[in-house]
Amino acid sequence: MKTIIKISYKNLKQNYLEVQQYLEEKSGEKNICNKAKIANDLSFFGDDNCILLEDFIIKHKVDFSNFNYKEHFESEGELSMSFWSVLSVLFIPLFIIKGLLSYFINFFSNKYSYKLNRFNFFLKEYKSNRKDLTMGDLITSKIQGKFNLREKVKFVCS
């Protein structure tokens, strides 16, 4: 069952804009929406998302005592020691050659340059199986003053 929070539209919008501005400053991205994921969309992995959350908690005085970090993010060690991370280091010379070839082929044909850029030597892009936090989760937590996921709350404008 969702928790219902009665809030004025002005207050909701102000909180939205404050969290959006905070994430834009920290990430360098622009026009971040409430569904933007902290790790996968804004590229805060490992220690970066830990520092981001610590700063957010201090700045907005939010209680995150019931937040389980491992449920939402991988630690720096988990990220750096994965099989795909180690394997990708071995492919660095191939990626350099691919980049140079793509640069020179681009002069002759954008079609083939695009195909070459998309080729990744059969390495998989890293996808986390954990539930990434979103901007909406941070807005909800800021409004409530404690950690809570956006999906567990319904805002009713009064």
N, C-alpha and C. Protein backbone atom coordinates (compact mmCIF):
# COMPACT_ATOMS: atom_id res chain seq x y z
N MET A 1 0.83 -1.18 0.00
CA MET A 1 0.00 0.00 0.00
C MET A 1 0.88 1.25 0.00
N LYS A 2 0.50 2.20 -0.82
CA LYS A 2 1.28 3.43 -0.94
C LYS A 2 0.95 4.41 0.17
N THR A 3 1.98 5.10 0.62
CA THR A 3 1.81 6.18 1.57
C THR A 3 1.32 7.41 0.81
N ILE A 4 0.29 8.04 1.30
CA ILE A 4 -0.24 9.23 0.63
C ILE A 4 0.32 10.47 1.33
N ILE A 5 0.91 11.35 0.53
CA ILE A 5 1.47 12.59 1.05
C ILE A 5 0.73 13.76 0.41
N LYS A 6 0.12 14.57 1.24
CA LYS A 6 -0.54 15.77 0.74
C LYS A 6 0.50 16.89 0.73
N ILE A 7 0.63 17.53 -0.43
CA ILE A 7 1.66 18.55 -0.60
C ILE A 7 1.16 19.57 -1.61
N SER A 8 1.54 20.81 -1.41
CA SER A 8 1.14 21.83 -2.38
C SER A 8 1.98 21.66 -3.65
N TYR A 9 1.41 22.04 -4.75
CA TYR A 9 2.12 21.94 -6.03
C TYR A 9 3.40 22.76 -5.98
N LYS A 10 3.32 23.93 -5.37
CA LYS A 10 4.48 24.82 -5.27
C LYS A 10 5.62 24.15 -4.50
N ASN A 11 5.28 23.51 -3.39
CA ASN A 11 6.28 22.82 -2.58
C ASN A 11 6.88 21.62 -3.33
N LEU A 12 6.03 20.86 -4.01
CA LEU A 12 6.50 19.71 -4.78
C LEU A 12 7.44 20.16 -5.89
N LYS A 13 7.05 21.21 -6.59
CA LYS A 13 7.89 21.72 -7.68
C LYS A 13 9.22 22.25 -7.15
N GLN A 14 9.18 22.94 -6.02
CA GLN A 14 10.41 23.47 -5.43
C GLN A 14 11.37 22.34 -5.07
N ASN A 15 10.86 21.27 -4.46
CA ASN A 15 11.69 20.12 -4.12
C ASN A 15 12.24 19.45 -5.37
N TYR A 16 11.40 19.34 -6.39
CA TYR A 16 11.83 18.75 -7.67
C TYR A 16 13.00 19.55 -8.24
N LEU A 17 12.84 20.86 -8.30
CA LEU A 17 13.87 21.72 -8.88
C LEU A 17 15.16 21.71 -8.06
N GLU A 18 15.05 21.65 -6.73
CA GLU A 18 16.24 21.60 -5.88
C GLU A 18 17.03 20.32 -6.11
N VAL A 19 16.35 19.19 -6.16
CA VAL A 19 17.04 17.91 -6.38
C VAL A 19 17.58 17.85 -7.81
N GLN A 20 16.82 18.34 -8.77
CA GLN A 20 17.29 18.36 -10.16
C GLN A 20 18.56 19.21 -10.27
N GLN A 21 18.56 20.38 -9.67
CA GLN A 21 19.73 21.26 -9.72
C GLN A 21 20.93 20.60 -9.03
N TYR A 22 20.69 19.95 -7.91
CA TYR A 22 21.76 19.25 -7.19
C TYR A 22 22.39 18.18 -8.07
N LEU A 23 21.56 17.36 -8.71
CA LEU A 23 22.08 16.29 -9.58
C LEU A 23 22.75 16.84 -10.83
N GLU A 24 22.23 17.93 -11.37
CA GLU A 24 22.86 18.55 -12.54
C GLU A 24 24.24 19.10 -12.19
N GLU A 25 24.37 19.72 -11.01
CA GLU A 25 25.67 20.23 -10.57
C GLU A 25 26.67 19.10 -10.38
N LYS A 26 26.24 18.03 -9.75
CA LYS A 26 27.13 16.92 -9.44
C LYS A 26 27.50 16.09 -10.67
N SER A 27 26.56 15.93 -11.61
CA SER A 27 26.80 15.05 -12.76
C SER A 27 27.27 15.78 -14.00
N GLY A 28 26.96 17.07 -14.11
CA GLY A 28 27.29 17.79 -15.33
C GLY A 28 26.26 17.59 -16.43
N GLU A 29 25.23 16.80 -16.16
CA GLU A 29 24.15 16.58 -17.12
C GLU A 29 23.13 17.71 -17.02
N LYS A 30 22.35 17.89 -18.07
CA LYS A 30 21.31 18.91 -18.06
C LYS A 30 19.95 18.26 -18.27
N ASN A 31 18.91 18.94 -17.79
CA ASN A 31 17.52 18.49 -17.96
C ASN A 31 17.29 17.07 -17.47
N ILE A 32 17.72 16.79 -16.26
CA ILE A 32 17.54 15.46 -15.67
C ILE A 32 16.08 15.32 -15.26
N CYS A 33 15.48 14.17 -15.58
CA CYS A 33 14.08 13.93 -15.22
C CYS A 33 13.99 13.06 -13.97
N ASN A 34 12.78 12.96 -13.41
CA ASN A 34 12.61 12.23 -12.16
C ASN A 34 12.84 10.72 -12.28
N LYS A 35 12.87 10.19 -13.50
CA LYS A 35 13.12 8.76 -13.69
C LYS A 35 14.60 8.45 -13.95
N ALA A 36 15.44 9.48 -13.98
CA ALA A 36 16.87 9.30 -14.22
C ALA A 36 17.48 8.46 -13.10
N LYS A 37 18.21 7.43 -13.48
CA LYS A 37 18.84 6.53 -12.51
C LYS A 37 20.22 7.05 -12.14
N ILE A 38 20.51 6.99 -10.86
CA ILE A 38 21.76 7.54 -10.33
C ILE A 38 22.98 6.86 -10.94
N ALA A 39 22.99 5.55 -11.01
CA ALA A 39 24.16 4.84 -11.55
C ALA A 39 24.09 4.73 -13.08
N ASN A 40 23.05 4.13 -13.58
CA ASN A 40 23.01 3.80 -15.01
C ASN A 40 22.82 5.00 -15.93
N ASP A 41 22.10 6.02 -15.51
CA ASP A 41 21.88 7.19 -16.38
C ASP A 41 22.86 8.32 -16.10
N LEU A 42 23.18 8.54 -14.82
CA LEU A 42 24.06 9.66 -14.46
C LEU A 42 25.50 9.23 -14.23
N SER A 43 25.76 7.94 -14.33
CA SER A 43 27.13 7.37 -14.25
C SER A 43 27.80 7.59 -12.90
N PHE A 44 27.04 7.46 -11.82
CA PHE A 44 27.63 7.48 -10.49
C PHE A 44 27.74 6.04 -10.02
N PHE A 45 28.96 5.50 -10.10
CA PHE A 45 29.21 4.11 -9.72
C PHE A 45 30.17 4.07 -8.52
N GLY A 46 30.06 3.02 -7.72
CA GLY A 46 31.02 2.79 -6.63
C GLY A 46 31.09 3.94 -5.65
N ASP A 47 32.31 4.41 -5.41
CA ASP A 47 32.52 5.49 -4.44
C ASP A 47 31.81 6.77 -4.86
N ASP A 48 31.65 6.99 -6.16
CA ASP A 48 31.00 8.22 -6.64
C ASP A 48 29.56 8.33 -6.15
N ASN A 49 28.79 7.22 -6.25
CA ASN A 49 27.40 7.32 -5.78
C ASN A 49 27.33 7.36 -4.25
N CYS A 50 28.30 6.77 -3.60
CA CYS A 50 28.35 6.82 -2.13
C CYS A 50 28.58 8.26 -1.68
N ILE A 51 29.52 8.95 -2.31
CA ILE A 51 29.81 10.35 -1.98
C ILE A 51 28.62 11.24 -2.33
N LEU A 52 27.99 10.98 -3.48
CA LEU A 52 26.81 11.74 -3.88
C LEU A 52 25.71 11.62 -2.83
N LEU A 53 25.44 10.39 -2.38
CA LEU A 53 24.39 10.18 -1.38
C LEU A 53 24.74 10.82 -0.04
N GLU A 54 26.01 10.71 0.38
CA GLU A 54 26.43 11.34 1.64
C GLU A 54 26.22 12.85 1.59
N ASP A 55 26.63 13.47 0.47
CA ASP A 55 26.43 14.91 0.31
C ASP A 55 24.95 15.27 0.31
N PHE A 56 24.14 14.47 -0.37
CA PHE A 56 22.70 14.70 -0.43
C PHE A 56 22.08 14.62 0.97
N ILE A 57 22.47 13.62 1.73
CA ILE A 57 21.94 13.41 3.08
C ILE A 57 22.29 14.59 3.98
N ILE A 58 23.53 15.05 3.90
CA ILE A 58 23.97 16.17 4.74
C ILE A 58 23.29 17.47 4.31
N LYS A 59 23.29 17.73 2.99
CA LYS A 59 22.74 18.99 2.48
C LYS A 59 21.24 19.12 2.77
N HIS A 60 20.50 18.04 2.61
CA HIS A 60 19.04 18.10 2.75
C HIS A 60 18.52 17.52 4.06
N LYS A 61 19.44 17.12 4.95
CA LYS A 61 19.09 16.61 6.29
C LYS A 61 18.06 15.48 6.20
N VAL A 62 18.42 14.45 5.44
CA VAL A 62 17.53 13.31 5.22
C VAL A 62 18.06 12.12 6.02
N ASP A 63 17.17 11.39 6.67
CA ASP A 63 17.54 10.19 7.44
C ASP A 63 17.58 8.98 6.50
N PHE A 64 18.75 8.44 6.29
CA PHE A 64 18.91 7.27 5.43
C PHE A 64 19.28 6.04 6.26
N SER A 65 18.89 6.01 7.53
CA SER A 65 19.28 4.90 8.41
C SER A 65 18.68 3.57 7.97
N ASN A 66 17.55 3.57 7.27
CA ASN A 66 16.96 2.31 6.80
C ASN A 66 17.32 2.01 5.35
N PHE A 67 18.32 2.72 4.81
CA PHE A 67 18.77 2.51 3.43
C PHE A 67 19.81 1.40 3.40
N ASN A 68 19.62 0.40 2.54
CA ASN A 68 20.58 -0.70 2.38
C ASN A 68 21.35 -0.47 1.08
N TYR A 69 22.58 0.01 1.21
CA TYR A 69 23.39 0.37 0.04
C TYR A 69 23.55 -0.81 -0.92
N LYS A 70 23.81 -2.00 -0.41
CA LYS A 70 24.06 -3.17 -1.26
C LYS A 70 22.83 -3.59 -2.05
N GLU A 71 21.67 -3.19 -1.61
CA GLU A 71 20.43 -3.51 -2.33
C GLU A 71 20.29 -2.67 -3.61
N HIS A 72 20.95 -1.51 -3.63
CA HIS A 72 20.79 -0.57 -4.73
C HIS A 72 22.03 -0.37 -5.59
N PHE A 73 23.23 -0.52 -5.00
CA PHE A 73 24.47 -0.24 -5.73
C PHE A 73 25.54 -1.27 -5.43
N GLU A 74 26.50 -1.37 -6.37
CA GLU A 74 27.68 -2.20 -6.14
C GLU A 74 28.76 -1.34 -5.50
N SER A 75 29.58 -1.97 -4.69
CA SER A 75 30.70 -1.25 -4.10
C SER A 75 31.81 -1.10 -5.14
N GLU A 76 32.77 -0.27 -4.85
CA GLU A 76 33.89 -0.04 -5.77
C GLU A 76 34.61 -1.35 -6.09
N GLY A 77 34.80 -2.19 -5.08
CA GLY A 77 35.49 -3.46 -5.28
C GLY A 77 34.73 -4.42 -6.19
N GLU A 78 33.42 -4.46 -6.04
CA GLU A 78 32.61 -5.32 -6.90
C GLU A 78 32.70 -4.88 -8.36
N LEU A 79 32.77 -3.57 -8.58
CA LEU A 79 32.83 -3.05 -9.94
C LEU A 79 34.19 -3.29 -10.59
N SER A 80 35.25 -3.09 -9.83
CA SER A 80 36.59 -3.15 -10.43
C SER A 80 37.11 -4.57 -10.60
N MET A 81 36.58 -5.52 -9.88
CA MET A 81 37.10 -6.87 -9.97
C MET A 81 36.20 -7.83 -10.76
N SER A 82 35.25 -7.29 -11.48
CA SER A 82 34.39 -8.17 -12.26
C SER A 82 35.17 -8.76 -13.44
N PHE A 83 34.73 -9.89 -13.92
CA PHE A 83 35.37 -10.57 -15.04
C PHE A 83 35.44 -9.67 -16.27
N TRP A 84 34.33 -8.96 -16.54
CA TRP A 84 34.27 -8.11 -17.74
C TRP A 84 35.20 -6.91 -17.63
N SER A 85 35.41 -6.40 -16.42
CA SER A 85 36.34 -5.28 -16.24
C SER A 85 37.77 -5.70 -16.55
N VAL A 86 38.15 -6.86 -16.03
CA VAL A 86 39.50 -7.37 -16.28
C VAL A 86 39.68 -7.68 -17.76
N LEU A 87 38.69 -8.30 -18.37
CA LEU A 87 38.79 -8.65 -19.79
C LEU A 87 38.86 -7.41 -20.68
N SER A 88 38.12 -6.37 -20.32
CA SER A 88 38.13 -5.16 -21.15
C SER A 88 39.49 -4.49 -21.16
N VAL A 89 40.26 -4.61 -20.09
CA VAL A 89 41.62 -4.04 -20.05
C VAL A 89 42.49 -4.72 -21.10
N LEU A 90 42.30 -5.99 -21.31
CA LEU A 90 43.08 -6.72 -22.32
C LEU A 90 42.76 -6.26 -23.74
N PHE A 91 41.58 -5.69 -23.92
CA PHE A 91 41.14 -5.25 -25.24
C PHE A 91 41.50 -3.79 -25.56
N ILE A 92 42.19 -3.11 -24.67
CA ILE A 92 42.53 -1.69 -24.90
C ILE A 92 43.24 -1.47 -26.22
N PRO A 93 44.26 -2.26 -26.57
CA PRO A 93 44.92 -2.03 -27.88
C PRO A 93 43.94 -2.16 -29.05
N LEU A 94 43.02 -3.09 -28.97
CA LEU A 94 42.04 -3.25 -30.05
C LEU A 94 41.09 -2.06 -30.13
N PHE A 95 40.72 -1.51 -28.98
CA PHE A 95 39.85 -0.34 -28.99
C PHE A 95 40.57 0.89 -29.56
N ILE A 96 41.87 1.00 -29.32
CA ILE A 96 42.64 2.10 -29.89
C ILE A 96 42.70 1.97 -31.41
N ILE A 97 42.97 0.77 -31.89
CA ILE A 97 43.01 0.53 -33.34
C ILE A 97 41.63 0.81 -33.95
N LYS A 98 40.59 0.34 -33.28
CA LYS A 98 39.22 0.57 -33.76
C LYS A 98 38.93 2.07 -33.86
N GLY A 99 39.33 2.84 -32.85
CA GLY A 99 39.12 4.28 -32.87
C GLY A 99 39.84 4.97 -34.02
N LEU A 100 41.08 4.57 -34.26
CA LEU A 100 41.84 5.16 -35.37
C LEU A 100 41.23 4.79 -36.71
N LEU A 101 40.86 3.53 -36.89
CA LEU A 101 40.21 3.11 -38.13
C LEU A 101 38.90 3.86 -38.37
N SER A 102 38.12 3.99 -37.32
CA SER A 102 36.85 4.69 -37.42
C SER A 102 37.06 6.14 -37.84
N TYR A 103 38.09 6.77 -37.28
CA TYR A 103 38.39 8.17 -37.61
C TYR A 103 38.72 8.32 -39.09
N PHE A 104 39.56 7.42 -39.61
CA PHE A 104 39.96 7.53 -41.01
C PHE A 104 38.83 7.10 -41.97
N ILE A 105 38.06 6.09 -41.60
CA ILE A 105 36.96 5.63 -42.44
C ILE A 105 35.85 6.68 -42.50
N ASN A 106 35.72 7.47 -41.44
CA ASN A 106 34.69 8.51 -41.39
C ASN A 106 34.84 9.52 -42.54
N PHE A 107 36.05 9.72 -43.02
CA PHE A 107 36.26 10.63 -44.15
C PHE A 107 35.61 10.12 -45.43
N PHE A 108 35.50 8.81 -45.56
CA PHE A 108 34.99 8.21 -46.78
C PHE A 108 33.52 7.81 -46.69
N SER A 109 33.10 7.29 -45.53
CA SER A 109 31.74 6.79 -45.42
C SER A 109 31.28 6.80 -43.96
N ASN A 110 30.24 7.56 -43.67
CA ASN A 110 29.66 7.58 -42.32
C ASN A 110 29.01 6.25 -41.98
N LYS A 111 28.48 5.57 -43.00
CA LYS A 111 27.78 4.29 -42.79
C LYS A 111 28.72 3.25 -42.17
N TYR A 112 29.90 3.10 -42.75
CA TYR A 112 30.83 2.09 -42.24
C TYR A 112 31.50 2.54 -40.94
N SER A 113 31.71 3.83 -40.79
CA SER A 113 32.28 4.36 -39.56
C SER A 113 31.33 4.09 -38.39
N TYR A 114 30.04 4.28 -38.61
CA TYR A 114 29.03 4.03 -37.58
C TYR A 114 29.04 2.55 -37.17
N LYS A 115 29.09 1.66 -38.17
CA LYS A 115 29.10 0.22 -37.88
C LYS A 115 30.35 -0.15 -37.08
N LEU A 116 31.48 0.43 -37.44
CA LEU A 116 32.72 0.13 -36.73
C LEU A 116 32.66 0.65 -35.30
N ASN A 117 32.09 1.83 -35.09
CA ASN A 117 31.98 2.38 -33.74
C ASN A 117 31.11 1.52 -32.84
N ARG A 118 30.09 0.90 -33.40
CA ARG A 118 29.18 0.07 -32.61
C ARG A 118 29.77 -1.30 -32.27
N PHE A 119 30.80 -1.71 -32.98
CA PHE A 119 31.42 -3.02 -32.72
C PHE A 119 32.22 -2.94 -31.43
N ASN A 120 31.96 -3.83 -30.48
CA ASN A 120 32.63 -3.76 -29.18
C ASN A 120 33.39 -5.04 -28.82
N PHE A 121 33.83 -5.78 -29.81
CA PHE A 121 34.63 -6.99 -29.59
C PHE A 121 33.91 -8.00 -28.69
N PHE A 122 32.61 -8.04 -28.79
CA PHE A 122 31.77 -9.01 -28.10
C PHE A 122 31.79 -8.85 -26.57
N LEU A 123 32.27 -7.69 -26.10
CA LEU A 123 32.20 -7.40 -24.68
C LEU A 123 30.81 -6.89 -24.35
N LYS A 124 30.26 -7.34 -23.26
CA LYS A 124 28.93 -6.91 -22.87
C LYS A 124 29.02 -5.60 -22.10
N GLU A 125 28.04 -4.73 -22.33
CA GLU A 125 27.94 -3.51 -21.55
C GLU A 125 27.51 -3.90 -20.15
N TYR A 126 28.09 -3.26 -19.16
CA TYR A 126 27.78 -3.60 -17.77
C TYR A 126 26.34 -3.23 -17.43
N LYS A 127 25.59 -4.18 -16.95
CA LYS A 127 24.22 -3.96 -16.51
C LYS A 127 24.10 -4.49 -15.08
N SER A 128 23.63 -3.66 -14.20
CA SER A 128 23.47 -4.07 -12.81
C SER A 128 22.12 -4.74 -12.62
N ASN A 129 22.08 -5.71 -11.74
CA ASN A 129 20.81 -6.37 -11.43
C ASN A 129 20.20 -5.80 -10.14
N ARG A 130 20.80 -4.74 -9.64
CA ARG A 130 20.30 -4.12 -8.42
C ARG A 130 19.34 -2.98 -8.75
N LYS A 131 18.52 -2.62 -7.80
CA LYS A 131 17.51 -1.59 -8.02
C LYS A 131 18.15 -0.21 -7.82
N ASP A 132 18.46 0.43 -8.93
CA ASP A 132 19.10 1.73 -8.94
C ASP A 132 18.15 2.80 -8.40
N LEU A 133 18.68 3.74 -7.62
CA LEU A 133 17.87 4.85 -7.15
C LEU A 133 17.63 5.84 -8.28
N THR A 134 16.51 6.52 -8.24
CA THR A 134 16.19 7.52 -9.25
C THR A 134 16.12 8.90 -8.60
N MET A 135 16.05 9.91 -9.45
CA MET A 135 15.86 11.26 -8.95
C MET A 135 14.55 11.34 -8.17
N GLY A 136 13.53 10.64 -8.64
CA GLY A 136 12.24 10.61 -7.95
C GLY A 136 12.35 10.04 -6.54
N ASP A 137 13.22 9.05 -6.35
CA ASP A 137 13.44 8.49 -5.02
C ASP A 137 14.07 9.53 -4.10
N LEU A 138 15.01 10.31 -4.64
CA LEU A 138 15.66 11.35 -3.84
C LEU A 138 14.68 12.47 -3.49
N ILE A 139 13.81 12.84 -4.44
CA ILE A 139 12.80 13.87 -4.17
C ILE A 139 11.87 13.39 -3.06
N THR A 140 11.40 12.16 -3.18
CA THR A 140 10.50 11.59 -2.18
C THR A 140 11.17 11.56 -0.80
N SER A 141 12.43 11.14 -0.77
CA SER A 141 13.16 11.09 0.50
C SER A 141 13.34 12.48 1.09
N LYS A 142 13.63 13.45 0.25
CA LYS A 142 13.81 14.84 0.71
C LYS A 142 12.51 15.37 1.31
N ILE A 143 11.40 15.13 0.65
CA ILE A 143 10.11 15.63 1.14
C ILE A 143 9.73 14.97 2.46
N GLN A 144 9.97 13.65 2.57
CA GLN A 144 9.61 12.93 3.79
C GLN A 144 10.63 13.10 4.91
N GLY A 145 11.85 13.48 4.55
CA GLY A 145 12.90 13.64 5.55
C GLY A 145 13.56 12.33 5.93
N LYS A 146 13.18 11.26 5.24
CA LYS A 146 13.78 9.94 5.47
C LYS A 146 13.75 9.17 4.16
N PHE A 147 14.59 8.15 4.06
CA PHE A 147 14.68 7.39 2.82
C PHE A 147 13.36 6.67 2.53
N ASN A 148 12.92 6.83 1.28
CA ASN A 148 11.73 6.12 0.81
C ASN A 148 11.78 6.09 -0.72
N LEU A 149 11.33 5.00 -1.30
CA LEU A 149 11.29 4.89 -2.75
C LEU A 149 10.06 5.59 -3.30
N ARG A 150 10.19 6.18 -4.47
CA ARG A 150 9.09 6.91 -5.11
C ARG A 150 7.89 6.01 -5.36
N GLU A 151 8.13 4.76 -5.69
CA GLU A 151 7.04 3.84 -6.03
C GLU A 151 6.16 3.51 -4.82
N LYS A 152 6.63 3.81 -3.61
CA LYS A 152 5.87 3.50 -2.41
C LYS A 152 5.05 4.68 -1.91
N VAL A 153 5.10 5.79 -2.66
CA VAL A 153 4.45 7.02 -2.22
C VAL A 153 3.56 7.57 -3.31
N LYS A 154 2.41 8.12 -2.91
CA LYS A 154 1.53 8.82 -3.85
C LYS A 154 1.40 10.25 -3.36
N PHE A 155 1.76 11.20 -4.22
CA PHE A 155 1.63 12.60 -3.88
C PHE A 155 0.26 13.10 -4.32
N VAL A 156 -0.40 13.80 -3.42
CA VAL A 156 -1.69 14.40 -3.72
C VAL A 156 -1.52 15.90 -3.49
N CYS A 157 -1.70 16.65 -4.59
CA CYS A 157 -1.55 18.11 -4.51
C CYS A 157 -2.78 18.71 -3.85
N SER A 158 -2.51 19.56 -2.87
CA SER A 158 -3.63 20.18 -2.13
C SER A 158 -3.70 21.67 -2.44
